[in-house]
């Protein structure tokens, strides 16, 4: 159960949590989170901001006339 909590809080990666819990299906991990009323982990804000900036750059590069 600690691995599930650690994953939910973003302390350990998905693969580590799944291994610790003996799971081979990501859906089962999500089901366990839901059953335990734990939140799904979020990508860190800094990573989300980088991803958004990259997407904006890609979209600008593919605009007609550029």
PDB file of N, CA and C in Angstrom:
ATOM      1  N   UNK A   1       0.818  -1.197   0.000  1.00  0.00           N
ATOM      2  CA  UNK A   1       0.000   0.000   0.000  1.00  0.00           C
ATOM      3  C   UNK A   1       0.863   1.262   0.000  1.00  0.00           C
ATOM      4  N   UNK A   2       2.039   1.208   0.617  1.00  0.00           N
ATOM      5  CA  UNK A   2       2.910   2.386   0.642  1.00  0.00           C
ATOM      6  C   UNK A   2       3.340   2.786  -0.765  1.00  0.00           C
ATOM      7  N   UNK A   3       3.587   1.796  -1.621  1.00  0.00           N
ATOM      8  CA  UNK A   3       3.971   2.108  -3.001  1.00  0.00           C
ATOM      9  C   UNK A   3       2.849   2.855  -3.713  1.00  0.00           C
ATOM     10  N   UNK A   4       1.618   2.496  -3.440  1.00  0.00           N
ATOM     11  CA  UNK A   4       0.475   3.173  -4.052  1.00  0.00           C
ATOM     12  C   UNK A   4       0.410   4.627  -3.589  1.00  0.00           C
ATOM     13  N   UNK A   5       0.619   4.835  -2.319  1.00  0.00           N
ATOM     14  CA  UNK A   5       0.628   6.202  -1.776  1.00  0.00           C
ATOM     15  C   UNK A   5       1.789   6.992  -2.363  1.00  0.00           C
ATOM     16  N   UNK A   6       2.963   6.384  -2.401  1.00  0.00           N
ATOM     17  CA  UNK A   6       4.141   7.067  -2.942  1.00  0.00           C
ATOM     18  C   UNK A   6       3.946   7.437  -4.408  1.00  0.00           C
ATOM     19  N   UNK A   7       3.332   6.552  -5.168  1.00  0.00           N
ATOM     20  CA  UNK A   7       3.058   6.852  -6.575  1.00  0.00           C
ATOM     21  C   UNK A   7       2.051   7.992  -6.683  1.00  0.00           C
ATOM     22  N   UNK A   8       1.006   7.936  -5.894  1.00  0.00           N
ATOM     23  CA  UNK A   8      -0.025   8.957  -5.929  1.00  0.00           C
ATOM     24  C   UNK A   8       0.551  10.340  -5.636  1.00  0.00           C
ATOM     25  N   UNK A   9       1.508  10.400  -4.736  1.00  0.00           N
ATOM     26  CA  UNK A   9       2.129  11.666  -4.348  1.00  0.00           C
ATOM     27  C   UNK A   9       3.299  12.057  -5.243  1.00  0.00           C
ATOM     28  N   UNK A  10       3.576  11.232  -6.254  1.00  0.00           N
ATOM     29  CA  UNK A  10       4.651  11.543  -7.193  1.00  0.00           C
ATOM     30  C   UNK A  10       6.040  11.249  -6.671  1.00  0.00           C
ATOM     31  N   UNK A  11       6.144  10.449  -5.634  1.00  0.00           N
ATOM     32  CA  UNK A  11       7.447  10.128  -5.041  1.00  0.00           C
ATOM     33  C   UNK A  11       8.188   9.048  -5.803  1.00  0.00           C
ATOM     34  N   UNK A  12       7.437   8.154  -6.464  1.00  0.00           N
ATOM     35  CA  UNK A  12       8.068   7.071  -7.231  1.00  0.00           C
ATOM     36  C   UNK A  12       7.394   7.004  -8.603  1.00  0.00           C
ATOM     37  N   UNK A  13       8.132   6.540  -9.604  1.00  0.00           N
ATOM     38  CA  UNK A  13       7.559   6.433 -10.947  1.00  0.00           C
ATOM     39  C   UNK A  13       6.568   5.265 -11.058  1.00  0.00           C
ATOM     40  N   UNK A  14       5.775   5.313 -12.098  1.00  0.00           N
ATOM     41  CA  UNK A  14       4.747   4.306 -12.333  1.00  0.00           C
ATOM     42  C   UNK A  14       5.324   2.895 -12.359  1.00  0.00           C
ATOM     43  N   UNK A  15       6.412   2.700 -13.080  1.00  0.00           N
ATOM     44  CA  UNK A  15       6.989   1.354 -13.204  1.00  0.00           C
ATOM     45  C   UNK A  15       7.395   0.796 -11.847  1.00  0.00           C
ATOM     46  N   UNK A  16       7.950   1.638 -11.003  1.00  0.00           N
ATOM     47  CA  UNK A  16       8.369   1.188  -9.679  1.00  0.00           C
ATOM     48  C   UNK A  16       7.156   0.806  -8.826  1.00  0.00           C
ATOM     49  N   UNK A  17       6.099   1.611  -8.908  1.00  0.00           N
ATOM     50  CA  UNK A  17       4.890   1.311  -8.149  1.00  0.00           C
ATOM     51  C   UNK A  17       4.274   0.002  -8.622  1.00  0.00           C
ATOM     52  N   UNK A  18       4.201  -0.174  -9.936  1.00  0.00           N
ATOM     53  CA  UNK A  18       3.601  -1.387 -10.485  1.00  0.00           C
ATOM     54  C   UNK A  18       4.402  -2.619 -10.091  1.00  0.00           C
ATOM     55  N   UNK A  19       5.720  -2.505 -10.126  1.00  0.00           N
ATOM     56  CA  UNK A  19       6.573  -3.630  -9.730  1.00  0.00           C
ATOM     57  C   UNK A  19       6.363  -3.956  -8.247  1.00  0.00           C
ATOM     58  N   UNK A  20       6.351  -2.935  -7.410  1.00  0.00           N
ATOM     59  CA  UNK A  20       6.185  -3.149  -5.967  1.00  0.00           C
ATOM     60  C   UNK A  20       4.832  -3.776  -5.646  1.00  0.00           C
ATOM     61  N   UNK A  21       3.818  -3.452  -6.457  1.00  0.00           N
ATOM     62  CA  UNK A  21       2.473  -3.968  -6.220  1.00  0.00           C
ATOM     63  C   UNK A  21       2.191  -5.252  -6.992  1.00  0.00           C
ATOM     64  N   UNK A  22       3.162  -5.707  -7.786  1.00  0.00           N
ATOM     65  CA  UNK A  22       2.998  -6.937  -8.549  1.00  0.00           C
ATOM     66  C   UNK A  22       2.006  -6.804  -9.689  1.00  0.00           C
ATOM     67  N   UNK A  23       1.946  -5.620 -10.287  1.00  0.00           N
ATOM     68  CA  UNK A  23       1.002  -5.365 -11.372  1.00  0.00           C
ATOM     69  C   UNK A  23       1.711  -5.331 -12.716  1.00  0.00           C
ATOM     70  N   UNK A  24       1.013  -5.771 -13.749  1.00  0.00           N
ATOM     71  CA  UNK A  24       1.562  -5.646 -15.101  1.00  0.00           C
ATOM     72  C   UNK A  24       0.632  -4.846 -16.003  1.00  0.00           C
ATOM     73  N   UNK A  25      -0.444  -4.325 -15.422  1.00  0.00           N
ATOM     74  CA  UNK A  25      -1.429  -3.570 -16.186  1.00  0.00           C
ATOM     75  C   UNK A  25      -1.636  -2.212 -15.543  1.00  0.00           C
ATOM     76  N   UNK A  26      -1.423  -1.159 -16.318  1.00  0.00           N
ATOM     77  CA  UNK A  26      -1.580   0.201 -15.802  1.00  0.00           C
ATOM     78  C   UNK A  26      -3.018   0.454 -15.341  1.00  0.00           C
ATOM     79  N   UNK A  27      -3.970  -0.134 -16.027  1.00  0.00           N
ATOM     80  CA  UNK A  27      -5.360   0.012 -15.633  1.00  0.00           C
ATOM     81  C   UNK A  27      -5.617  -0.494 -14.219  1.00  0.00           C
ATOM     82  N   UNK A  28      -4.934  -1.568 -13.848  1.00  0.00           N
ATOM     83  CA  UNK A  28      -5.077  -2.107 -12.493  1.00  0.00           C
ATOM     84  C   UNK A  28      -4.532  -1.116 -11.466  1.00  0.00           C
ATOM     85  N   UNK A  29      -3.452  -0.449 -11.814  1.00  0.00           N
ATOM     86  CA  UNK A  29      -2.894   0.566 -10.910  1.00  0.00           C
ATOM     87  C   UNK A  29      -3.886   1.712 -10.728  1.00  0.00           C
ATOM     88  N   UNK A  30      -4.482   2.159 -11.830  1.00  0.00           N
ATOM     89  CA  UNK A  30      -5.475   3.227 -11.737  1.00  0.00           C
ATOM     90  C   UNK A  30      -6.682   2.790 -10.916  1.00  0.00           C
ATOM     91  N   UNK A  31      -7.098   1.551 -11.098  1.00  0.00           N
ATOM     92  CA  UNK A  31      -8.223   1.023 -10.318  1.00  0.00           C
ATOM     93  C   UNK A  31      -7.902   0.998  -8.833  1.00  0.00           C
ATOM     94  N   UNK A  32      -6.663   0.633  -8.507  1.00  0.00           N
ATOM     95  CA  UNK A  32      -6.257   0.618  -7.099  1.00  0.00           C
ATOM     96  C   UNK A  32      -6.253   2.028  -6.515  1.00  0.00           C
ATOM     97  N   UNK A  33      -5.772   2.991  -7.293  1.00  0.00           N
ATOM     98  CA  UNK A  33      -5.798   4.383  -6.829  1.00  0.00           C
ATOM     99  C   UNK A  33      -7.229   4.823  -6.558  1.00  0.00           C
ATOM    100  N   UNK A  34      -8.115   4.514  -7.497  1.00  0.00           N
ATOM    101  CA  UNK A  34      -9.520   4.907  -7.341  1.00  0.00           C
ATOM    102  C   UNK A  34     -10.154   4.230  -6.127  1.00  0.00           C
ATOM    103  N   UNK A  35      -9.897   2.937  -5.956  1.00  0.00           N
ATOM    104  CA  UNK A  35     -10.479   2.192  -4.837  1.00  0.00           C
ATOM    105  C   UNK A  35      -9.989   2.724  -3.496  1.00  0.00           C
ATOM    106  N   UNK A  36      -8.753   3.201  -3.477  1.00  0.00           N
ATOM    107  CA  UNK A  36      -8.175   3.735  -2.237  1.00  0.00           C
ATOM    108  C   UNK A  36      -8.498   5.228  -2.053  1.00  0.00           C
ATOM    109  N   UNK A  37      -9.245   5.796  -3.003  1.00  0.00           N
ATOM    110  CA  UNK A  37      -9.589   7.218  -2.971  1.00  0.00           C
ATOM    111  C   UNK A  37      -8.342   8.099  -2.942  1.00  0.00           C
ATOM    112  N   UNK A  38      -7.332   7.677  -3.708  1.00  0.00           N
ATOM    113  CA  UNK A  38      -6.093   8.450  -3.821  1.00  0.00           C
ATOM    114  C   UNK A  38      -6.095   9.184  -5.156  1.00  0.00           C
ATOM    115  N   UNK A  39      -5.529  10.380  -5.189  1.00  0.00           N
ATOM    116  CA  UNK A  39      -5.483  11.125  -6.455  1.00  0.00           C
ATOM    117  C   UNK A  39      -4.466  10.519  -7.412  1.00  0.00           C
ATOM    118  N   UNK A  40      -4.730  10.707  -8.692  1.00  0.00           N
ATOM    119  CA  UNK A  40      -3.757  10.301  -9.701  1.00  0.00           C
ATOM    120  C   UNK A  40      -2.628  11.322  -9.676  1.00  0.00           C
ATOM    121  N   UNK A  41      -1.400  10.877  -9.842  1.00  0.00           N
ATOM    122  CA  UNK A  41      -0.280  11.828  -9.792  1.00  0.00           C
ATOM    123  C   UNK A  41      -0.323  12.775 -10.989  1.00  0.00           C
ATOM    124  N   UNK A  42       0.201  13.966 -10.782  1.00  0.00           N
ATOM    125  CA  UNK A  42       0.280  14.963 -11.835  1.00  0.00           C
ATOM    126  C   UNK A  42       1.720  15.125 -12.287  1.00  0.00           C
ATOM    127  N   UNK A  43       1.873  15.464 -13.537  1.00  0.00           N
ATOM    128  CA  UNK A  43       3.194  15.818 -14.043  1.00  0.00           C
ATOM    129  C   UNK A  43       3.570  17.135 -13.365  1.00  0.00           C
ATOM    130  N   UNK A  44       4.813  17.271 -12.911  1.00  0.00           N
ATOM    131  CA  UNK A  44       5.215  18.518 -12.250  1.00  0.00           C
ATOM    132  C   UNK A  44       4.930  19.744 -13.127  1.00  0.00           C
ATOM    133  N   UNK A  45       4.597  20.864 -12.497  1.00  0.00           N
ATOM    134  CA  UNK A  45       4.243  22.080 -13.206  1.00  0.00           C
ATOM    135  C   UNK A  45       5.328  22.501 -14.193  1.00  0.00           C
ATOM    136  N   UNK A  46       6.575  22.438 -13.794  1.00  0.00           N
ATOM    137  CA  UNK A  46       7.659  22.866 -14.693  1.00  0.00           C
ATOM    138  C   UNK A  46       7.689  22.005 -15.957  1.00  0.00           C
ATOM    139  N   UNK A  47       7.431  20.716 -15.809  1.00  0.00           N
ATOM    140  CA  UNK A  47       7.402  19.823 -16.969  1.00  0.00           C
ATOM    141  C   UNK A  47       6.196  20.134 -17.849  1.00  0.00           C
ATOM    142  N   UNK A  48       5.053  20.389 -17.237  1.00  0.00           N
ATOM    143  CA  UNK A  48       3.850  20.738 -18.012  1.00  0.00           C
ATOM    144  C   UNK A  48       4.060  22.027 -18.789  1.00  0.00           C
ATOM    145  N   UNK A  49       4.743  22.993 -18.171  1.00  0.00           N
ATOM    146  CA  UNK A  49       4.997  24.263 -18.855  1.00  0.00           C
ATOM    147  C   UNK A  49       5.916  24.058 -20.054  1.00  0.00           C
ATOM    148  N   UNK A  50       6.930  23.220 -19.898  1.00  0.00           N
ATOM    149  CA  UNK A  50       7.831  22.918 -21.015  1.00  0.00           C
ATOM    150  C   UNK A  50       7.073  22.206 -22.135  1.00  0.00           C
ATOM    151  N   UNK A  51       6.217  21.265 -21.762  1.00  0.00           N
ATOM    152  CA  UNK A  51       5.443  20.543 -22.759  1.00  0.00           C
ATOM    153  C   UNK A  51       4.518  21.495 -23.519  1.00  0.00           C
ATOM    154  N   UNK A  52       3.902  22.415 -22.805  1.00  0.00           N
ATOM    155  CA  UNK A  52       3.005  23.379 -23.442  1.00  0.00           C
ATOM    156  C   UNK A  52       3.780  24.285 -24.395  1.00  0.00           C
ATOM    157  N   UNK A  53       4.945  24.742 -23.978  1.00  0.00           N
ATOM    158  CA  UNK A  53       5.765  25.602 -24.829  1.00  0.00           C
ATOM    159  C   UNK A  53       6.201  24.858 -26.092  1.00  0.00           C
ATOM    160  N   UNK A  54       6.544  23.585 -25.941  1.00  0.00           N
ATOM    161  CA  UNK A  54       6.925  22.787 -27.100  1.00  0.00           C
ATOM    162  C   UNK A  54       5.751  22.618 -28.058  1.00  0.00           C
ATOM    163  N   UNK A  55       4.570  22.390 -27.522  1.00  0.00           N
ATOM    164  CA  UNK A  55       3.386  22.237 -28.368  1.00  0.00           C
ATOM    165  C   UNK A  55       3.070  23.530 -29.106  1.00  0.00           C
ATOM    166  N   UNK A  56       3.185  24.656 -28.433  1.00  0.00           N
ATOM    167  CA  UNK A  56       2.951  25.949 -29.077  1.00  0.00           C
ATOM    168  C   UNK A  56       3.945  26.130 -30.217  1.00  0.00           C
ATOM    169  N   UNK A  57       5.203  25.789 -29.987  1.00  0.00           N
ATOM    170  CA  UNK A  57       6.221  25.914 -31.025  1.00  0.00           C
ATOM    171  C   UNK A  57       5.903  25.034 -32.227  1.00  0.00           C
ATOM    172  N   UNK A  58       5.458  23.826 -31.973  1.00  0.00           N
ATOM    173  CA  UNK A  58       5.105  22.907 -33.061  1.00  0.00           C
ATOM    174  C   UNK A  58       3.923  23.463 -33.852  1.00  0.00           C
ATOM    175  N   UNK A  59       2.915  23.939 -33.141  1.00  0.00           N
ATOM    176  CA  UNK A  59       1.733  24.473 -33.821  1.00  0.00           C
ATOM    177  C   UNK A  59       2.076  25.708 -34.651  1.00  0.00           C
ATOM    178  N   UNK A  60       2.922  26.564 -34.119  1.00  0.00           N
ATOM    179  CA  UNK A  60       3.339  27.753 -34.878  1.00  0.00           C
ATOM    180  C   UNK A  60       4.121  27.352 -36.117  1.00  0.00           C
ATOM    181  N   UNK A  61       4.955  26.327 -35.995  1.00  0.00           N
ATOM    182  CA  UNK A  61       5.778  25.879 -37.115  1.00  0.00           C
ATOM    183  C   UNK A  61       4.931  25.227 -38.210  1.00  0.00           C
ATOM    184  N   UNK A  62       3.761  24.746 -37.864  1.00  0.00           N
ATOM    185  CA  UNK A  62       2.924  24.070 -38.858  1.00  0.00           C
ATOM    186  C   UNK A  62       1.782  24.934 -39.366  1.00  0.00           C
ATOM    187  N   UNK A  63       1.742  26.205 -38.946  1.00  0.00           N
ATOM    188  CA  UNK A  63       0.705  27.114 -39.444  1.00  0.00           C
ATOM    189  C   UNK A  63       0.916  27.375 -40.919  1.00  0.00           C
ATOM    190  N   UNK A  64      -0.150  27.447 -41.677  1.00  0.00           N
ATOM    191  CA  UNK A  64      -0.016  27.781 -43.100  1.00  0.00           C
ATOM    192  C   UNK A  64       0.626  29.158 -43.264  1.00  0.00           C
ATOM    193  N   UNK A  65       1.509  29.241 -44.211  1.00  0.00           N
ATOM    194  CA  UNK A  65       2.150  30.528 -44.484  1.00  0.00           C
ATOM    195  C   UNK A  65       3.376  30.808 -43.659  1.00  0.00           C
ATOM    196  N   UNK A  66       3.847  29.808 -42.884  1.00  0.00           N
ATOM    197  CA  UNK A  66       5.062  30.049 -42.086  1.00  0.00           C
ATOM    198  C   UNK A  66       6.216  29.278 -42.648  1.00  0.00           C
TER     199      UNK A  66
END
